[in-house]
Structures are given as structure tokens and as C-alpha cells.
Protein backbone atom coordinates (compact mmCIF):
# COMPACT_ATOMS: atom_id res chain seq x y z
CA MET A 1 -74.09 -38.85 -19.48
CA ARG A 2 -73.70 -40.38 -16.01
CA THR A 3 -70.85 -40.28 -13.53
CA GLU A 4 -69.50 -43.28 -11.73
CA HIS A 5 -66.63 -43.57 -9.25
CA ILE A 6 -63.99 -46.24 -9.31
CA ASN A 7 -64.66 -47.51 -5.79
CA VAL A 8 -67.00 -50.39 -5.12
CA ASN A 9 -69.80 -48.26 -3.68
CA PRO A 10 -70.61 -45.65 -6.35
CA THR A 11 -71.90 -42.22 -5.37
CA PRO A 12 -75.22 -40.92 -6.74
CA PHE A 13 -75.24 -40.14 -10.43
CA ILE A 14 -75.44 -36.60 -11.84
CA PRO A 15 -75.22 -35.42 -15.45
CA ALA A 16 -71.53 -35.33 -16.37
CA THR A 17 -68.79 -37.30 -18.07
CA ARG A 18 -69.21 -41.01 -17.58
CA PHE A 19 -66.48 -42.60 -15.46
CA VAL A 20 -65.50 -46.08 -16.52
CA ILE A 21 -64.12 -48.82 -14.29
CA ASN A 22 -61.21 -50.74 -15.73
CA GLU A 23 -57.96 -52.35 -14.66
CA ASN A 24 -55.95 -49.24 -15.53
CA VAL A 25 -57.95 -47.07 -13.17
CA SER A 26 -57.85 -49.51 -10.29
CA ARG A 27 -54.07 -49.75 -10.52
CA ILE A 28 -53.49 -46.02 -11.02
CA SER A 29 -55.81 -45.31 -8.09
CA ALA A 30 -52.94 -46.47 -5.87
CA LEU A 31 -51.16 -43.20 -6.71
CA CYS A 32 -50.42 -41.75 -3.25
CA GLY A 33 -53.60 -43.45 -2.02
CA VAL A 34 -55.85 -41.31 -4.23
CA LYS A 35 -58.43 -42.78 -6.60
CA ILE A 36 -57.92 -41.47 -10.13
CA LYS A 37 -61.16 -41.24 -12.11
CA GLN A 38 -61.12 -41.75 -15.86
CA ASP A 39 -63.81 -40.82 -18.37
CA GLU A 40 -65.04 -42.89 -21.30
CA GLU A 41 -62.64 -41.10 -23.65
CA GLY A 42 -59.68 -42.26 -21.60
CA ARG A 43 -58.90 -38.89 -20.05
CA TYR A 44 -57.80 -38.68 -16.42
CA CYS A 45 -59.14 -36.41 -13.70
CA LEU A 46 -56.63 -33.64 -13.11
CA ASN A 47 -58.28 -32.76 -9.81
CA ASP A 48 -57.52 -36.27 -8.55
CA LEU A 49 -53.91 -35.85 -9.66
CA HIS A 50 -53.77 -32.61 -7.69
CA ARG A 51 -54.98 -34.44 -4.58
CA ALA A 52 -52.34 -37.10 -5.17
CA ALA A 53 -49.66 -34.43 -5.54
CA VAL A 54 -50.72 -32.84 -2.24
CA ALA A 55 -50.66 -36.25 -0.58
CA ASP A 56 -47.11 -36.60 -1.94
CA GLY A 57 -46.10 -33.35 -0.26
CA ALA A 58 -46.81 -30.68 -2.90
CA ASN A 59 -48.22 -27.29 -1.93
CA LYS A 60 -52.01 -27.41 -2.25
CA ARG A 61 -52.52 -23.80 -3.33
CA THR A 62 -49.55 -23.20 -5.62
CA LYS A 63 -50.06 -26.50 -7.48
CA GLU A 64 -53.76 -26.14 -8.20
CA PRO A 65 -54.86 -27.40 -11.66
CA ALA A 66 -56.13 -23.92 -12.59
CA LYS A 67 -52.64 -22.45 -12.13
CA PHE A 68 -51.12 -25.18 -14.29
CA MET A 69 -53.79 -24.64 -16.97
CA SER A 70 -52.91 -20.93 -17.12
CA THR A 71 -49.30 -21.67 -18.09
CA GLU A 72 -47.94 -21.26 -21.60
CA GLN A 73 -46.69 -24.85 -21.48
CA PHE A 74 -50.24 -26.15 -20.97
CA SER A 75 -51.66 -24.05 -23.83
CA GLU A 76 -48.95 -25.17 -26.22
CA MET A 77 -49.45 -28.84 -25.36
CA VAL A 78 -53.22 -28.62 -25.81
CA GLU A 79 -52.72 -26.94 -29.20
CA GLU A 80 -50.21 -29.58 -30.30
CA LEU A 81 -52.41 -32.48 -29.13
CA THR A 82 -55.38 -31.01 -30.98
CA THR A 83 -53.28 -30.56 -34.14
CA GLN A 84 -51.99 -34.12 -34.03
CA ASN A 85 -55.43 -35.58 -33.26
CA PRO A 86 -58.07 -33.52 -35.09
CA GLY A 87 -61.49 -33.85 -33.53
CA SER A 88 -60.14 -34.94 -30.16
CA LEU A 89 -60.62 -33.03 -26.92
CA PRO A 90 -57.47 -33.27 -24.81
CA VAL A 91 -59.20 -31.26 -22.07
CA GLU A 92 -62.79 -31.29 -20.86
CA THR A 93 -64.12 -29.63 -17.75
CA ILE A 94 -67.33 -30.90 -16.19
CA GLU A 95 -69.25 -28.68 -13.78
CA GLY A 96 -70.82 -29.91 -10.57
CA ARG A 97 -69.75 -31.50 -7.31
CA SER A 98 -68.78 -34.76 -8.95
CA GLY A 99 -67.26 -33.12 -12.00
CA GLY A 100 -63.73 -31.94 -12.62
CA THR A 101 -61.20 -31.37 -15.35
CA TYR A 102 -60.27 -34.40 -17.44
CA VAL A 103 -57.11 -34.33 -19.54
CA ALA A 104 -55.16 -36.59 -21.88
CA LYS A 105 -52.36 -38.71 -20.44
CA GLU A 106 -49.72 -36.43 -21.96
CA LEU A 107 -51.10 -33.54 -19.92
CA ILE A 108 -51.05 -35.69 -16.80
CA TYR A 109 -47.31 -36.16 -17.31
CA ALA A 110 -46.88 -32.43 -17.97
CA TYR A 111 -48.78 -31.53 -14.80
CA ALA A 112 -46.71 -33.96 -12.74
CA MET A 113 -43.48 -32.46 -14.11
CA TRP A 114 -44.80 -28.97 -13.31
CA VAL A 115 -45.46 -30.04 -9.69
CA ASN A 116 -41.95 -31.34 -8.97
CA ALA A 117 -39.43 -33.98 -10.05
CA ARG A 118 -40.38 -36.48 -7.35
CA PHE A 119 -44.08 -36.47 -8.20
CA HIS A 120 -43.25 -36.61 -11.93
CA LEU A 121 -41.20 -39.77 -11.41
CA HIS A 122 -43.94 -41.19 -9.20
CA VAL A 123 -46.55 -40.70 -11.94
CA ILE A 124 -44.30 -42.08 -14.70
CA ARG A 125 -43.49 -45.21 -12.70
CA THR A 126 -47.13 -45.76 -11.77
CA PHE A 127 -48.32 -45.48 -15.37
CA ASP A 128 -45.40 -47.63 -16.58
CA ALA A 129 -46.38 -50.30 -14.09
CA VAL A 130 -49.89 -50.33 -15.57
CA VAL A 131 -48.55 -50.72 -19.12
CA THR A 132 -46.14 -53.45 -18.01
CA GLY A 133 -49.01 -55.24 -16.31
CA GLN A 134 -51.08 -55.03 -19.49
CA ILE A 135 -48.24 -56.47 -21.57
CA GLU A 136 -47.64 -59.28 -19.10
CA GLU A 137 -51.34 -60.10 -18.96
CA ALA A 138 -51.57 -60.13 -22.76
CA ALA A 139 -48.59 -62.49 -22.92
CA ALA A 140 -50.19 -64.72 -20.28
CA ARG A 141 -53.44 -64.84 -22.27
CA GLN A 142 -51.52 -65.86 -25.38
CA SER A 143 -49.70 -68.58 -23.44
CA ARG A 144 -52.97 -69.92 -22.04
CA GLU A 145 -54.44 -69.97 -25.53
CA ARG A 146 -51.42 -71.87 -26.91
CA ALA A 147 -51.73 -74.39 -24.09
CA ARG A 148 -55.41 -74.81 -24.92
CA LEU A 149 -54.62 -75.44 -28.59
CA GLU A 150 -51.84 -77.88 -27.74
CA SER A 151 -54.33 -79.82 -25.61
CA PHE A 152 -56.44 -80.38 -28.74
CA ALA A 153 -53.40 -81.77 -30.55
CA MET A 154 -52.81 -84.18 -27.68
CA THR A 155 -56.42 -85.37 -27.49
CA ASP A 156 -56.49 -85.78 -31.28
CA ALA A 157 -53.36 -87.92 -31.07
CA VAL A 158 -55.02 -90.14 -28.45
CA LYS A 159 -58.21 -90.41 -30.48
CA TYR A 160 -56.74 -91.22 -33.87
CA THR A 161 -54.04 -93.53 -32.54
CA ARG A 162 -56.57 -95.72 -30.75
CA LEU A 163 -59.03 -95.66 -33.66
CA ALA A 164 -56.27 -96.59 -36.10
CA ALA A 165 -55.39 -99.55 -33.88
CA GLY A 166 -59.04 -100.60 -33.69
CA LYS A 167 -59.14 -99.99 -29.94
CA GLU A 168 -62.09 -98.71 -27.94
CA LEU A 169 -62.00 -95.04 -26.96
CA LYS A 170 -63.07 -94.05 -23.43
CA HIS A 171 -63.15 -90.64 -21.71
CA TYR A 172 -60.48 -91.70 -19.22
CA HIS A 173 -58.00 -92.20 -22.05
CA PHE A 174 -57.99 -88.40 -22.38
CA SER A 175 -58.04 -87.60 -18.65
CA ASN A 176 -55.14 -89.99 -18.10
CA GLU A 177 -53.00 -87.95 -20.48
CA PHE A 178 -53.88 -84.65 -18.79
CA ASP A 179 -53.15 -86.18 -15.39
CA LEU A 180 -49.80 -87.39 -16.72
CA ILE A 181 -48.89 -83.86 -17.79
CA ASN A 182 -50.16 -82.28 -14.58
CA ARG A 183 -48.39 -84.78 -12.34
CA ILE A 184 -45.10 -83.91 -13.99
CA ALA A 185 -45.60 -80.14 -14.34
CA LEU A 186 -47.67 -79.41 -11.21
CA GLY A 187 -46.80 -82.32 -8.94
CA MET A 188 -50.35 -83.68 -8.76
CA PRO A 189 -53.24 -84.80 -11.01
CA SER A 190 -55.96 -82.41 -12.13
CA LYS A 191 -58.52 -83.30 -9.45
CA ALA A 192 -56.03 -82.89 -6.61
CA TYR A 193 -54.80 -79.58 -8.02
CA ARG A 194 -58.34 -78.23 -8.24
CA ALA A 195 -59.01 -79.19 -4.63
CA ALA A 196 -55.71 -77.74 -3.39
CA HIS A 197 -56.30 -74.40 -5.11
CA CYS A 198 -60.11 -74.16 -4.78
CA ILE A 199 -60.67 -74.24 -8.55
CA GLY A 200 -64.22 -75.02 -9.67
CA ALA A 201 -65.02 -78.03 -11.81
CA THR A 202 -66.04 -75.81 -14.74
CA GLU A 203 -62.98 -73.55 -14.55
CA ALA A 204 -59.88 -74.11 -16.67
CA ILE A 205 -56.84 -74.94 -14.55
CA ARG A 206 -54.56 -73.03 -16.94
CA ASP A 207 -56.31 -69.77 -15.96
CA HIS A 208 -54.84 -70.19 -12.47
CA LEU A 209 -51.28 -71.05 -13.45
CA THR A 210 -48.13 -68.97 -13.54
CA PRO A 211 -46.44 -68.14 -16.88
CA CYS A 212 -43.72 -70.75 -16.33
CA GLU A 213 -46.26 -73.43 -15.46
CA ILE A 214 -48.29 -72.66 -18.58
CA LYS A 215 -45.17 -72.74 -20.76
CA CYS A 216 -44.16 -76.07 -19.25
CA ILE A 217 -47.59 -77.65 -19.79
CA GLU A 218 -47.81 -76.33 -23.33
CA HIS A 219 -44.42 -77.87 -24.18
CA LEU A 220 -45.13 -81.21 -22.48
CA GLN A 221 -48.48 -81.51 -24.26
CA ARG A 222 -46.79 -80.91 -27.59
CA VAL A 223 -44.09 -83.49 -26.91
CA ASN A 224 -46.63 -86.00 -25.60
CA ALA A 225 -48.78 -85.63 -28.71
CA SER A 226 -45.77 -86.46 -30.89
CA LEU A 227 -44.88 -89.47 -28.74
CA ILE A 228 -48.46 -90.76 -28.91
CA ASP A 229 -48.45 -90.35 -32.70
CA ILE A 230 -45.40 -92.62 -33.04
CA GLY A 231 -46.95 -95.26 -30.78
CA SER A 232 -44.81 -94.77 -27.67
CA PRO A 233 -46.34 -96.64 -24.70
CA PHE A 234 -47.53 -94.82 -21.59
CA GLU A 235 -44.62 -95.65 -19.26
CA ALA A 236 -42.04 -94.78 -21.91
CA ARG A 237 -43.76 -91.45 -22.53
CA LYS A 238 -43.89 -90.76 -18.81
CA GLU A 239 -40.14 -91.31 -18.53
CA GLN A 240 -39.38 -89.17 -21.58
CA LEU A 241 -41.65 -86.32 -20.45
CA SER A 242 -40.05 -86.36 -17.00
CA LYS A 243 -36.65 -85.94 -18.61
CA VAL A 244 -37.93 -83.04 -20.71
CA TYR A 245 -39.35 -81.42 -17.58
CA ILE A 246 -36.06 -81.69 -15.69
CA GLN A 247 -33.94 -80.51 -18.61
CA ARG A 248 -36.13 -77.66 -19.83
CA HIS A 249 -38.46 -76.47 -17.08
CA SER A 250 -37.58 -77.45 -13.50
CA ARG A 251 -35.01 -74.68 -12.99
CA ALA A 252 -37.29 -71.95 -14.40
CA LEU A 253 -40.20 -73.12 -12.23
CA LEU A 254 -38.06 -73.10 -9.08
CA SER A 255 -36.82 -69.59 -9.89
CA GLU A 256 -40.37 -68.43 -10.44
CA ILE A 257 -41.50 -69.88 -7.12
CA LYS A 258 -38.68 -68.10 -5.28
CA ARG A 259 -39.46 -64.83 -7.06
CA LEU A 260 -43.17 -65.05 -6.17
CA GLU A 261 -42.38 -65.87 -2.55
CA PHE A 262 -40.32 -62.73 -2.14
């Protein structure tokens, strides 16, 4: 296999475990300023953790990975991990200058606890932050997808309402509705928002919004689709949507802005 470092400028490849670049690694690499390599099986480089521990104030010689791996605690954990996950390799050591010892996440926690309480807490909080970030990102993706689906409901309402009334259908009938929503939720129409935030013409605006903004737009699109279906005129819908925004979303958006500023 081939080795690859997390940083932007990879070092020359030599036969060894393949290092993968992903969001987890880039976030965990902030651990005491040390980049933490990860192999394709998801194991973490124990040597990098040792460097992070030293950077955090641990004794370089007494906290070497080899000393930890000679402990009874390490042997018992490896045996238990192997029993619970037959066929897995919780530990793999790769020879060579760019090699190292790669261990399962559970052994990373065990090593950190063996080093000292402060470093253990540091590692736990760093890994927890990664998991929290993954959960938040997954929730944001789901919200963006819901907003996308709600936009179809709104455009369908525009289309079928006008066709049912025997009226001509133009592209601006759709853009007018999106601008209505964006003016209320974002304070400006789509074109102005793209220009203000340097968003390309082919990019989806929702991919650049905060969770509260996405939730607001999703809700307003749903309400607007219902109002269009019952034949509510544009100005009446604008007034009703503005009321919904004030009652349901303005406070949350202001709180989010303050939180992001600080």
C-alpha cells in the first residue's frame, strides 16, 4: 500500500499502511498542534499521539508507546477488542521512516489515560468535538435536503395553480416566489445574496446558510406553497409570510447571529 500524510504537501510514498485524508483527521490533527495520521482501517497513529502528549507536557521517555504496549492493560484490551471483533486488527505496526503503530480508537483513549488525566480529558474532548461536528453536519445536510424538497412543492403549486387558471407560465413566476422567501428570511433577493456572499451562479444558496436560516426558508416555502394552492394573492401571501417569520423565526435567527459573532 502507499502512505500519505494529512497535510497539504504529502511526503514521498513508501510501502506501508495507506493514510487517508478525511474531516476527522483534519480536526483531530489540532490535538496539541500535532497532526494525527489515520490508516484506511480507521486506526490512529499512536506515535503521533505520543508526540501530542509530549507537546502537552508529558515525559517523552516514560510515556513512549512501546512502554504502554508492554502493559497488562494494553494486552487485555487488545485481546478483548479481537474477541469482540473477530478478524479485526486493533493494532498494526508498520516499519520504515514513515511508518508507526496504528491502533483502534479505544486504545487511543487507553493510552491517553495511561499518560495522565489532563491529556486523557484533552483527547476525549477532541474526539467528542469531531463526533459532535459530524452529527451537526449530518443534521445540516438533512435540513438542506428538506428545504430542497419543499422548494419543489412551492414550484409545483405555482405551476399547477396558473395552469388551472389558464394563465401563461413564465420562469420569473418561480424566481419571484424564491425572491419573496429570501427577502423575508435573508433580507435580500437571491441575486443580491449571491453577490454579497460571493456565491456562484451554479451553487445552491442553501449550502451557504446557517441551520436557523435553512429551517426558516424550509418553513416559509411550505407555508407559501399552501397559500398558493388556495389562491392567495401575492401581497396577501407576503404579509402572511412576514408574520410567520416574526412569530416563528426572527428571535432564533437573532440568537444565532449573536452566537456566531462571539
